[in-house]
Amino acid sequence: ERSSAPMIATITVPSVQMFYANLHGCTYLTKVISPKATAFNPDTFYGCTLLQSVTLMSDANSDERVTLSTRMFYGCERLASIDLTNALFDGAYTNGSVADTFNGCKALRTIVMPVATKVPSGAFSGCTNITSVYAPVATVIGSDAFNGCISLGYVDMPVATAVHDRAFKDCSSLSEINADTGLNPFINISDIRS
């Protein structure tokens, strides 16, 4: 359902634990600031095509984490800046309930996820301008997680132990991966790009 306030340009999320608002299709939204919210509904910013900047849990020293959800930023084509310092993907990863969080966010360039232990299916699929990914504690990379990230050249995920089907499909620029040496799919980069 389309947002009833399509002319909103900036939103500062109040100090709430769960942000229940659905801004799906809010076509004028350009900036979101959320210093305290720790969870969001699926599809919260789906289709906010002008959204450019998001700040989530800006206190890097906080023990609290923000939980990203399914299709939360799906199709936010101009989203170029997002702080994922304290971000996790929803814990229900294995049954596919979290997917496509940033699918189609074509302006994203560098992904830094210092606390995310999993990257779900399709999380960054179609993010054609991502050049590097840093996920130092991620152990699981879901199917199609970076599918179609044609500019992705470097991936740093030193403790990854499971990479699912098509995780790096069509990542034609991928040239360097820092990963667990015992991880078979990383023996040949060309094998993981297909």
N, C-alpha and C. Protein backbone atom coordinates (compact mmCIF):
# COMPACT_ATOMS: atom_id res chain seq x y z
N GLU A 1 0.84 -1.17 0.00
CA GLU A 1 0.00 0.00 0.00
C GLU A 1 0.88 1.23 0.00
N ARG A 2 0.53 2.19 -0.79
CA ARG A 2 1.29 3.42 -0.94
C ARG A 2 1.15 4.30 0.30
N SER A 3 2.22 4.98 0.63
CA SER A 3 2.22 5.89 1.77
C SER A 3 1.21 7.01 1.55
N SER A 4 0.57 7.47 2.62
CA SER A 4 -0.40 8.55 2.51
C SER A 4 0.28 9.92 2.49
N ALA A 5 1.61 9.96 2.67
CA ALA A 5 2.33 11.24 2.68
C ALA A 5 3.51 11.19 1.72
N PRO A 6 3.24 11.19 0.40
CA PRO A 6 4.33 11.02 -0.57
C PRO A 6 5.27 12.21 -0.68
N MET A 7 4.99 13.35 -0.04
CA MET A 7 5.83 14.53 -0.17
C MET A 7 6.88 14.66 0.93
N ILE A 8 6.99 13.72 1.84
CA ILE A 8 7.97 13.77 2.92
C ILE A 8 9.38 13.66 2.32
N ALA A 9 10.29 14.54 2.74
CA ALA A 9 11.66 14.51 2.23
C ALA A 9 12.64 13.92 3.24
N THR A 10 12.48 14.22 4.53
CA THR A 10 13.37 13.71 5.56
C THR A 10 12.54 13.18 6.72
N ILE A 11 12.96 12.03 7.24
CA ILE A 11 12.28 11.46 8.40
C ILE A 11 13.32 11.18 9.47
N THR A 12 13.03 11.62 10.68
CA THR A 12 13.82 11.25 11.84
C THR A 12 12.94 10.33 12.66
N VAL A 13 13.37 9.07 12.76
CA VAL A 13 12.59 8.06 13.48
C VAL A 13 12.72 8.31 14.97
N PRO A 14 11.61 8.33 15.68
CA PRO A 14 11.67 8.58 17.12
C PRO A 14 12.39 7.46 17.87
N SER A 15 12.64 7.69 19.13
CA SER A 15 13.32 6.70 19.97
C SER A 15 12.37 5.57 20.35
N VAL A 16 12.15 4.69 19.40
CA VAL A 16 11.27 3.54 19.61
C VAL A 16 12.06 2.28 19.32
N GLN A 17 11.60 1.18 19.89
CA GLN A 17 12.29 -0.07 19.63
C GLN A 17 11.92 -0.62 18.25
N MET A 18 10.63 -0.63 17.92
CA MET A 18 10.17 -1.16 16.64
C MET A 18 9.50 -0.04 15.85
N PHE A 19 9.97 0.18 14.63
CA PHE A 19 9.39 1.20 13.76
C PHE A 19 8.36 0.51 12.87
N TYR A 20 7.08 0.75 13.14
CA TYR A 20 6.01 0.05 12.44
C TYR A 20 5.53 0.76 11.18
N ALA A 21 5.93 1.98 10.97
CA ALA A 21 5.45 2.74 9.82
C ALA A 21 5.86 2.07 8.52
N ASN A 22 5.02 2.19 7.52
CA ASN A 22 5.33 1.67 6.21
C ASN A 22 5.36 2.86 5.25
N LEU A 23 6.52 3.18 4.74
CA LEU A 23 6.69 4.30 3.83
C LEU A 23 6.87 3.82 2.39
N HIS A 24 6.42 2.61 2.13
CA HIS A 24 6.48 1.97 0.82
C HIS A 24 5.99 2.95 -0.25
N GLY A 25 6.87 3.23 -1.20
CA GLY A 25 6.48 4.07 -2.32
C GLY A 25 6.47 5.56 -2.03
N CYS A 26 7.05 5.98 -0.93
CA CYS A 26 7.11 7.41 -0.61
C CYS A 26 8.17 8.02 -1.53
N THR A 27 7.74 8.50 -2.67
CA THR A 27 8.65 8.85 -3.76
C THR A 27 9.45 10.13 -3.56
N TYR A 28 9.16 10.92 -2.54
CA TYR A 28 9.93 12.14 -2.31
C TYR A 28 10.90 12.02 -1.14
N LEU A 29 10.88 10.91 -0.43
CA LEU A 29 11.75 10.71 0.72
C LEU A 29 13.21 10.61 0.27
N THR A 30 14.08 11.46 0.83
CA THR A 30 15.48 11.45 0.44
C THR A 30 16.43 11.07 1.58
N LYS A 31 15.98 11.22 2.84
CA LYS A 31 16.88 10.97 3.97
C LYS A 31 16.12 10.39 5.15
N VAL A 32 16.74 9.38 5.81
CA VAL A 32 16.17 8.76 7.01
C VAL A 32 17.24 8.78 8.09
N ILE A 33 16.88 9.26 9.28
CA ILE A 33 17.77 9.25 10.43
C ILE A 33 17.07 8.46 11.53
N SER A 34 17.71 7.40 11.98
CA SER A 34 17.11 6.54 12.99
C SER A 34 18.16 6.18 14.04
N PRO A 35 18.39 7.08 15.00
CA PRO A 35 19.45 6.84 15.97
C PRO A 35 19.14 5.78 17.02
N LYS A 36 17.86 5.41 17.21
CA LYS A 36 17.52 4.50 18.30
C LYS A 36 16.69 3.28 17.91
N ALA A 37 15.91 3.32 16.84
CA ALA A 37 15.05 2.18 16.49
C ALA A 37 15.90 0.95 16.23
N THR A 38 15.47 -0.20 16.75
CA THR A 38 16.25 -1.42 16.63
C THR A 38 15.64 -2.44 15.67
N ALA A 39 14.41 -2.21 15.20
CA ALA A 39 13.79 -3.14 14.26
C ALA A 39 12.80 -2.40 13.37
N PHE A 40 12.63 -2.90 12.16
CA PHE A 40 11.75 -2.29 11.17
C PHE A 40 10.88 -3.36 10.53
N ASN A 41 9.68 -2.97 10.13
CA ASN A 41 8.79 -3.87 9.40
C ASN A 41 9.40 -4.21 8.03
N PRO A 42 9.03 -5.37 7.47
CA PRO A 42 9.41 -5.63 6.08
C PRO A 42 8.83 -4.54 5.16
N ASP A 43 9.51 -4.26 4.09
CA ASP A 43 9.07 -3.31 3.06
C ASP A 43 8.99 -1.87 3.54
N THR A 44 9.59 -1.53 4.66
CA THR A 44 9.44 -0.19 5.24
C THR A 44 9.72 0.93 4.23
N PHE A 45 10.81 0.84 3.49
CA PHE A 45 11.18 1.89 2.55
C PHE A 45 11.16 1.38 1.10
N TYR A 46 10.50 0.27 0.87
CA TYR A 46 10.41 -0.35 -0.46
C TYR A 46 9.95 0.68 -1.49
N GLY A 47 10.72 0.83 -2.57
CA GLY A 47 10.31 1.69 -3.66
C GLY A 47 10.45 3.19 -3.40
N CYS A 48 11.16 3.56 -2.36
CA CYS A 48 11.42 4.99 -2.12
C CYS A 48 12.58 5.38 -3.05
N THR A 49 12.25 5.63 -4.30
CA THR A 49 13.25 5.74 -5.36
C THR A 49 14.20 6.93 -5.23
N LEU A 50 13.85 7.94 -4.46
CA LEU A 50 14.74 9.09 -4.29
C LEU A 50 15.54 9.04 -2.99
N LEU A 51 15.33 8.02 -2.18
CA LEU A 51 16.04 7.90 -0.91
C LEU A 51 17.54 7.79 -1.18
N GLN A 52 18.33 8.69 -0.57
CA GLN A 52 19.77 8.75 -0.82
C GLN A 52 20.63 8.41 0.38
N SER A 53 20.15 8.70 1.58
CA SER A 53 20.98 8.57 2.77
C SER A 53 20.17 8.01 3.94
N VAL A 54 20.76 7.02 4.64
CA VAL A 54 20.12 6.42 5.80
C VAL A 54 21.14 6.29 6.91
N THR A 55 20.78 6.73 8.12
CA THR A 55 21.62 6.55 9.29
C THR A 55 20.85 5.68 10.27
N LEU A 56 21.39 4.52 10.58
CA LEU A 56 20.78 3.58 11.52
C LEU A 56 21.70 3.40 12.72
N MET A 57 21.16 3.55 13.93
CA MET A 57 21.95 3.30 15.14
C MET A 57 23.33 3.90 15.03
N SER A 58 23.41 5.21 15.07
CA SER A 58 24.65 5.91 14.78
C SER A 58 25.74 5.77 15.85
N ASP A 59 25.41 5.21 17.01
CA ASP A 59 26.41 5.05 18.07
C ASP A 59 27.18 3.74 17.89
N ALA A 60 28.37 3.84 17.31
CA ALA A 60 29.18 2.65 17.03
C ALA A 60 29.60 1.92 18.29
N ASN A 61 29.57 2.58 19.45
CA ASN A 61 29.97 1.94 20.70
C ASN A 61 28.81 1.26 21.42
N SER A 62 27.63 1.35 20.86
CA SER A 62 26.45 0.77 21.48
C SER A 62 26.46 -0.75 21.35
N ASP A 63 25.94 -1.43 22.38
CA ASP A 63 25.79 -2.88 22.32
C ASP A 63 24.49 -3.26 21.62
N GLU A 64 23.61 -2.30 21.40
CA GLU A 64 22.36 -2.58 20.72
C GLU A 64 22.60 -2.75 19.23
N ARG A 65 21.74 -3.52 18.60
CA ARG A 65 21.83 -3.76 17.17
C ARG A 65 20.52 -3.38 16.51
N VAL A 66 20.59 -3.01 15.25
CA VAL A 66 19.38 -2.75 14.47
C VAL A 66 19.17 -3.96 13.56
N THR A 67 17.93 -4.44 13.52
CA THR A 67 17.61 -5.61 12.72
C THR A 67 16.99 -5.17 11.40
N LEU A 68 17.65 -5.52 10.31
CA LEU A 68 17.15 -5.21 8.98
C LEU A 68 16.11 -6.27 8.59
N SER A 69 15.20 -5.91 7.72
CA SER A 69 14.12 -6.84 7.37
C SER A 69 14.02 -7.06 5.86
N THR A 70 13.14 -7.95 5.49
CA THR A 70 12.90 -8.30 4.10
C THR A 70 12.50 -7.08 3.28
N ARG A 71 13.14 -6.92 2.15
CA ARG A 71 12.83 -5.85 1.18
C ARG A 71 12.77 -4.46 1.82
N MET A 72 13.46 -4.27 2.91
CA MET A 72 13.41 -3.01 3.64
C MET A 72 13.75 -1.80 2.76
N PHE A 73 14.75 -1.95 1.87
CA PHE A 73 15.16 -0.87 0.98
C PHE A 73 15.07 -1.30 -0.49
N TYR A 74 14.29 -2.29 -0.78
CA TYR A 74 14.16 -2.83 -2.14
C TYR A 74 13.84 -1.70 -3.13
N GLY A 75 14.62 -1.61 -4.18
CA GLY A 75 14.34 -0.64 -5.24
C GLY A 75 14.66 0.81 -4.91
N CYS A 76 15.39 1.05 -3.84
CA CYS A 76 15.80 2.42 -3.51
C CYS A 76 17.02 2.74 -4.36
N GLU A 77 16.79 3.02 -5.61
CA GLU A 77 17.83 3.14 -6.63
C GLU A 77 18.90 4.18 -6.34
N ARG A 78 18.56 5.23 -5.61
CA ARG A 78 19.53 6.30 -5.36
C ARG A 78 20.19 6.21 -3.98
N LEU A 79 19.89 5.17 -3.24
CA LEU A 79 20.48 5.01 -1.91
C LEU A 79 21.99 4.80 -2.07
N ALA A 80 22.76 5.80 -1.69
CA ALA A 80 24.21 5.76 -1.86
C ALA A 80 24.96 5.66 -0.54
N SER A 81 24.29 6.03 0.55
CA SER A 81 24.96 6.06 1.85
C SER A 81 24.09 5.43 2.92
N ILE A 82 24.63 4.37 3.54
CA ILE A 82 23.93 3.74 4.67
C ILE A 82 24.98 3.22 5.64
N ASP A 83 24.80 3.53 6.90
CA ASP A 83 25.72 3.09 7.94
C ASP A 83 25.19 1.78 8.50
N LEU A 84 25.92 0.69 8.25
CA LEU A 84 25.52 -0.64 8.72
C LEU A 84 26.37 -1.10 9.90
N THR A 85 26.98 -0.16 10.61
CA THR A 85 27.89 -0.47 11.72
C THR A 85 27.24 -1.41 12.74
N ASN A 86 26.00 -1.17 13.11
CA ASN A 86 25.32 -1.98 14.13
C ASN A 86 24.21 -2.83 13.54
N ALA A 87 24.25 -3.10 12.25
CA ALA A 87 23.13 -3.78 11.59
C ALA A 87 23.31 -5.30 11.50
N LEU A 88 22.20 -5.98 11.76
CA LEU A 88 22.09 -7.42 11.59
C LEU A 88 20.90 -7.69 10.69
N PHE A 89 20.92 -8.82 10.02
CA PHE A 89 19.74 -9.25 9.29
C PHE A 89 18.91 -10.10 10.23
N ASP A 90 17.60 -10.13 10.05
CA ASP A 90 16.69 -10.85 10.92
C ASP A 90 17.17 -12.28 11.15
N GLY A 91 16.99 -12.77 12.35
CA GLY A 91 17.47 -14.10 12.73
C GLY A 91 16.81 -15.26 12.02
N ALA A 92 15.68 -15.04 11.37
CA ALA A 92 14.96 -16.12 10.71
C ALA A 92 15.48 -16.34 9.30
N TYR A 93 16.78 -16.26 9.12
CA TYR A 93 17.43 -16.31 7.82
C TYR A 93 17.19 -17.61 7.07
N THR A 94 17.29 -18.73 7.71
CA THR A 94 17.32 -20.01 7.00
C THR A 94 16.03 -20.37 6.31
N ASN A 95 14.88 -19.89 6.76
CA ASN A 95 13.64 -20.25 6.09
C ASN A 95 13.26 -19.25 5.01
N GLY A 96 14.17 -18.35 4.66
CA GLY A 96 13.94 -17.42 3.57
C GLY A 96 13.05 -16.25 3.92
N SER A 97 12.76 -16.06 5.21
CA SER A 97 11.86 -14.97 5.57
C SER A 97 12.53 -13.60 5.46
N VAL A 98 13.83 -13.57 5.39
CA VAL A 98 14.53 -12.32 5.16
C VAL A 98 15.24 -12.45 3.82
N ALA A 99 14.92 -11.56 2.92
CA ALA A 99 15.55 -11.60 1.60
C ALA A 99 15.43 -10.24 0.95
N ASP A 100 16.30 -10.00 0.00
CA ASP A 100 16.20 -8.83 -0.87
C ASP A 100 16.23 -7.50 -0.14
N THR A 101 16.90 -7.40 0.99
CA THR A 101 16.90 -6.19 1.80
C THR A 101 17.29 -4.95 1.02
N PHE A 102 18.36 -5.04 0.22
CA PHE A 102 18.84 -3.90 -0.56
C PHE A 102 18.76 -4.17 -2.06
N ASN A 103 18.00 -5.13 -2.47
CA ASN A 103 17.90 -5.52 -3.88
C ASN A 103 17.59 -4.29 -4.74
N GLY A 104 18.41 -4.08 -5.76
CA GLY A 104 18.18 -2.98 -6.70
C GLY A 104 18.64 -1.61 -6.23
N CYS A 105 19.40 -1.55 -5.15
CA CYS A 105 19.94 -0.26 -4.68
C CYS A 105 21.20 0.03 -5.50
N LYS A 106 21.00 0.58 -6.66
CA LYS A 106 22.06 0.72 -7.66
C LYS A 106 23.14 1.74 -7.32
N ALA A 107 22.91 2.64 -6.38
CA ALA A 107 23.90 3.66 -6.06
C ALA A 107 24.86 3.26 -4.94
N LEU A 108 24.57 2.17 -4.22
CA LEU A 108 25.47 1.72 -3.15
C LEU A 108 26.83 1.37 -3.74
N ARG A 109 27.91 1.75 -3.03
CA ARG A 109 29.25 1.49 -3.54
C ARG A 109 30.09 0.58 -2.63
N THR A 110 30.11 0.85 -1.35
CA THR A 110 30.91 0.06 -0.41
C THR A 110 30.00 -0.44 0.70
N ILE A 111 30.09 -1.72 1.01
CA ILE A 111 29.28 -2.31 2.07
C ILE A 111 30.21 -2.73 3.19
N VAL A 112 29.98 -2.16 4.38
CA VAL A 112 30.76 -2.51 5.56
C VAL A 112 29.77 -2.98 6.62
N MET A 113 29.87 -4.26 6.99
CA MET A 113 28.96 -4.88 7.96
C MET A 113 29.78 -5.54 9.06
N PRO A 114 30.27 -4.77 10.03
CA PRO A 114 31.18 -5.33 11.02
C PRO A 114 30.56 -6.31 12.01
N VAL A 115 29.23 -6.31 12.19
CA VAL A 115 28.62 -7.22 13.16
C VAL A 115 27.67 -8.23 12.53
N ALA A 116 27.39 -8.13 11.25
CA ALA A 116 26.45 -9.06 10.60
C ALA A 116 27.08 -10.43 10.47
N THR A 117 26.41 -11.45 11.01
CA THR A 117 26.92 -12.81 10.93
C THR A 117 26.39 -13.56 9.72
N LYS A 118 25.35 -13.01 9.07
CA LYS A 118 24.78 -13.64 7.88
C LYS A 118 24.41 -12.56 6.88
N VAL A 119 24.55 -12.90 5.61
CA VAL A 119 24.07 -12.04 4.53
C VAL A 119 22.99 -12.85 3.82
N PRO A 120 21.73 -12.48 3.95
CA PRO A 120 20.64 -13.32 3.44
C PRO A 120 20.51 -13.33 1.92
N SER A 121 19.66 -14.22 1.45
CA SER A 121 19.40 -14.38 0.03
C SER A 121 19.01 -13.07 -0.62
N GLY A 122 19.64 -12.77 -1.74
CA GLY A 122 19.31 -11.59 -2.52
C GLY A 122 19.55 -10.26 -1.84
N ALA A 123 20.25 -10.25 -0.71
CA ALA A 123 20.40 -9.03 0.10
C ALA A 123 20.87 -7.83 -0.72
N PHE A 124 21.86 -8.02 -1.59
CA PHE A 124 22.41 -6.92 -2.38
C PHE A 124 22.31 -7.22 -3.88
N SER A 125 21.44 -8.11 -4.24
CA SER A 125 21.26 -8.49 -5.64
C SER A 125 20.91 -7.27 -6.48
N GLY A 126 21.56 -7.13 -7.63
CA GLY A 126 21.27 -6.02 -8.52
C GLY A 126 21.83 -4.68 -8.10
N CYS A 127 22.70 -4.68 -7.11
CA CYS A 127 23.36 -3.43 -6.68
C CYS A 127 24.59 -3.26 -7.57
N THR A 128 24.37 -2.72 -8.73
CA THR A 128 25.37 -2.75 -9.81
C THR A 128 26.61 -1.90 -9.57
N ASN A 129 26.61 -1.01 -8.59
CA ASN A 129 27.78 -0.15 -8.36
C ASN A 129 28.58 -0.50 -7.12
N ILE A 130 28.20 -1.55 -6.39
CA ILE A 130 29.01 -1.96 -5.24
C ILE A 130 30.37 -2.41 -5.75
N THR A 131 31.43 -1.86 -5.15
CA THR A 131 32.79 -2.23 -5.56
C THR A 131 33.49 -3.11 -4.53
N SER A 132 33.09 -3.01 -3.25
CA SER A 132 33.74 -3.82 -2.22
C SER A 132 32.77 -4.13 -1.09
N VAL A 133 33.03 -5.28 -0.46
CA VAL A 133 32.20 -5.75 0.66
C VAL A 133 33.13 -6.18 1.78
N TYR A 134 32.85 -5.67 2.98
CA TYR A 134 33.61 -6.04 4.18
C TYR A 134 32.63 -6.62 5.19
N ALA A 135 32.74 -7.91 5.44
CA ALA A 135 31.86 -8.59 6.39
C ALA A 135 32.73 -9.51 7.24
N PRO A 136 33.48 -8.96 8.18
CA PRO A 136 34.50 -9.72 8.89
C PRO A 136 34.00 -10.84 9.79
N VAL A 137 32.71 -10.83 10.20
CA VAL A 137 32.22 -11.91 11.05
C VAL A 137 31.10 -12.72 10.40
N ALA A 138 30.80 -12.44 9.13
CA ALA A 138 29.74 -13.19 8.44
C ALA A 138 30.21 -14.61 8.14
N THR A 139 29.42 -15.58 8.58
CA THR A 139 29.75 -16.98 8.34
C THR A 139 28.92 -17.57 7.21
N VAL A 140 27.78 -16.97 6.91
CA VAL A 140 26.87 -17.50 5.89
C VAL A 140 26.55 -16.42 4.87
N ILE A 141 26.71 -16.75 3.59
CA ILE A 141 26.33 -15.86 2.50
C ILE A 141 25.22 -16.57 1.73
N GLY A 142 24.03 -15.99 1.73
CA GLY A 142 22.86 -16.62 1.14
C GLY A 142 22.89 -16.65 -0.37
N SER A 143 21.99 -17.46 -0.94
CA SER A 143 21.89 -17.56 -2.39
C SER A 143 21.55 -16.20 -2.99
N ASP A 144 22.17 -15.90 -4.11
CA ASP A 144 21.95 -14.65 -4.85
C ASP A 144 22.27 -13.40 -4.04
N ALA A 145 22.99 -13.51 -2.94
CA ALA A 145 23.27 -12.36 -2.06
C ALA A 145 23.85 -11.18 -2.82
N PHE A 146 24.77 -11.42 -3.74
CA PHE A 146 25.40 -10.35 -4.51
C PHE A 146 25.22 -10.57 -6.01
N ASN A 147 24.23 -11.33 -6.39
CA ASN A 147 23.95 -11.64 -7.79
C ASN A 147 23.79 -10.35 -8.59
N GLY A 148 24.51 -10.23 -9.68
CA GLY A 148 24.39 -9.07 -10.56
C GLY A 148 25.14 -7.84 -10.11
N CYS A 149 26.00 -7.98 -9.11
CA CYS A 149 26.81 -6.84 -8.66
C CYS A 149 28.02 -6.75 -9.58
N ILE A 150 27.81 -6.20 -10.75
CA ILE A 150 28.80 -6.25 -11.83
C ILE A 150 30.06 -5.43 -11.55
N SER A 151 30.01 -4.51 -10.59
CA SER A 151 31.20 -3.71 -10.27
C SER A 151 31.98 -4.26 -9.07
N LEU A 152 31.44 -5.29 -8.43
CA LEU A 152 32.07 -5.83 -7.23
C LEU A 152 33.42 -6.46 -7.57
N GLY A 153 34.50 -5.90 -7.00
CA GLY A 153 35.84 -6.38 -7.29
C GLY A 153 36.52 -7.06 -6.11
N TYR A 154 36.13 -6.67 -4.87
CA TYR A 154 36.82 -7.19 -3.69
C TYR A 154 35.81 -7.57 -2.61
N VAL A 155 36.01 -8.74 -2.02
CA VAL A 155 35.17 -9.23 -0.92
C VAL A 155 36.07 -9.67 0.21
N ASP A 156 35.80 -9.14 1.41
CA ASP A 156 36.55 -9.52 2.61
C ASP A 156 35.57 -10.13 3.61
N MET A 157 35.59 -11.46 3.71
CA MET A 157 34.77 -12.18 4.69
C MET A 157 35.57 -13.38 5.17
N PRO A 158 36.53 -13.11 6.04
CA PRO A 158 37.54 -14.11 6.42
C PRO A 158 37.02 -15.31 7.19
N VAL A 159 35.83 -15.25 7.76
CA VAL A 159 35.34 -16.40 8.53
C VAL A 159 34.14 -17.08 7.86
N ALA A 160 33.83 -16.72 6.62
CA ALA A 160 32.70 -17.34 5.92
C ALA A 160 32.93 -18.84 5.77
N THR A 161 31.94 -19.62 6.15
CA THR A 161 32.05 -21.08 6.04
C THR A 161 30.99 -21.67 5.12
N ALA A 162 30.02 -20.87 4.72
CA ALA A 162 28.97 -21.36 3.81
C ALA A 162 28.60 -20.26 2.82
N VAL A 163 28.73 -20.58 1.55
CA VAL A 163 28.31 -19.68 0.47
C VAL A 163 27.30 -20.44 -0.36
N HIS A 164 26.10 -19.91 -0.47
CA HIS A 164 25.02 -20.61 -1.16
C HIS A 164 25.02 -20.30 -2.65
N ASP A 165 24.19 -21.04 -3.38
CA ASP A 165 24.10 -20.95 -4.84
C ASP A 165 23.97 -19.52 -5.34
N ARG A 166 24.70 -19.24 -6.37
CA ARG A 166 24.62 -17.97 -7.10
C ARG A 166 24.92 -16.73 -6.25
N ALA A 167 25.57 -16.91 -5.12
CA ALA A 167 25.88 -15.78 -4.23
C ALA A 167 26.61 -14.66 -4.97
N PHE A 168 27.47 -15.02 -5.92
CA PHE A 168 28.24 -14.04 -6.67
C PHE A 168 28.02 -14.18 -8.17
N LYS A 169 26.85 -14.66 -8.56
CA LYS A 169 26.54 -14.84 -9.98
C LYS A 169 26.61 -13.50 -10.70
N ASP A 170 27.20 -13.51 -11.85
CA ASP A 170 27.34 -12.32 -12.71
C ASP A 170 28.10 -11.17 -12.06
N CYS A 171 28.99 -11.49 -11.13
CA CYS A 171 29.90 -10.48 -10.56
C CYS A 171 31.15 -10.48 -11.42
N SER A 172 31.03 -9.94 -12.62
CA SER A 172 32.07 -10.05 -13.64
C SER A 172 33.37 -9.34 -13.28
N SER A 173 33.34 -8.40 -12.35
CA SER A 173 34.56 -7.67 -11.96
C SER A 173 35.27 -8.29 -10.76
N LEU A 174 34.68 -9.31 -10.17
CA LEU A 174 35.23 -9.90 -8.95
C LEU A 174 36.61 -10.48 -9.22
N SER A 175 37.62 -9.94 -8.52
CA SER A 175 38.98 -10.39 -8.75
C SER A 175 39.70 -10.82 -7.48
N GLU A 176 39.18 -10.43 -6.31
CA GLU A 176 39.87 -10.79 -5.07
C GLU A 176 38.88 -11.07 -3.95
N ILE A 177 39.12 -12.20 -3.27
CA ILE A 177 38.28 -12.59 -2.14
C ILE A 177 39.19 -13.01 -1.00
N ASN A 178 38.94 -12.42 0.17
CA ASN A 178 39.62 -12.85 1.38
C ASN A 178 38.60 -13.66 2.16
N ALA A 179 38.79 -14.98 2.21
CA ALA A 179 37.82 -15.86 2.87
C ALA A 179 38.54 -17.04 3.52
N ASP A 180 37.79 -17.79 4.30
CA ASP A 180 38.29 -18.99 4.95
C ASP A 180 38.94 -19.89 3.90
N THR A 181 40.19 -20.26 4.13
CA THR A 181 40.90 -21.07 3.14
C THR A 181 40.31 -22.46 2.97
N GLY A 182 39.51 -22.91 3.92
CA GLY A 182 38.89 -24.22 3.80
C GLY A 182 37.56 -24.20 3.06
N LEU A 183 37.18 -23.05 2.56
CA LEU A 183 35.89 -22.91 1.89
C LEU A 183 36.02 -23.26 0.41
N ASN A 184 35.54 -24.43 0.03
CA ASN A 184 35.71 -24.93 -1.33
C ASN A 184 35.26 -24.00 -2.45
N PRO A 185 34.10 -23.31 -2.35
CA PRO A 185 33.68 -22.47 -3.47
C PRO A 185 34.66 -21.35 -3.80
N PHE A 186 35.59 -21.04 -2.90
CA PHE A 186 36.52 -19.96 -3.16
C PHE A 186 37.82 -20.41 -3.80
N ILE A 187 37.90 -21.67 -4.17
CA ILE A 187 39.13 -22.16 -4.79
C ILE A 187 39.35 -21.47 -6.14
N ASN A 188 38.27 -21.24 -6.88
CA ASN A 188 38.38 -20.63 -8.19
C ASN A 188 37.33 -19.52 -8.30
N ILE A 189 37.78 -18.30 -8.46
CA ILE A 189 36.86 -17.18 -8.54
C ILE A 189 35.87 -17.35 -9.68
N SER A 190 36.32 -17.85 -10.81
CA SER A 190 35.39 -18.00 -11.93
C SER A 190 34.26 -18.97 -11.62
N ASP A 191 34.49 -19.93 -10.74
CA ASP A 191 33.45 -20.87 -10.36
C ASP A 191 32.34 -20.19 -9.55
N ILE A 192 32.68 -19.21 -8.73
CA ILE A 192 31.65 -18.59 -7.90
C ILE A 192 30.92 -17.46 -8.61
N ARG A 193 31.41 -17.04 -9.76
CA ARG A 193 30.74 -15.99 -10.51
C ARG A 193 29.67 -16.54 -11.44
N SER A 194 29.57 -17.84 -11.55
CA SER A 194 28.58 -18.41 -12.48
C SER A 194 27.44 -19.08 -11.75
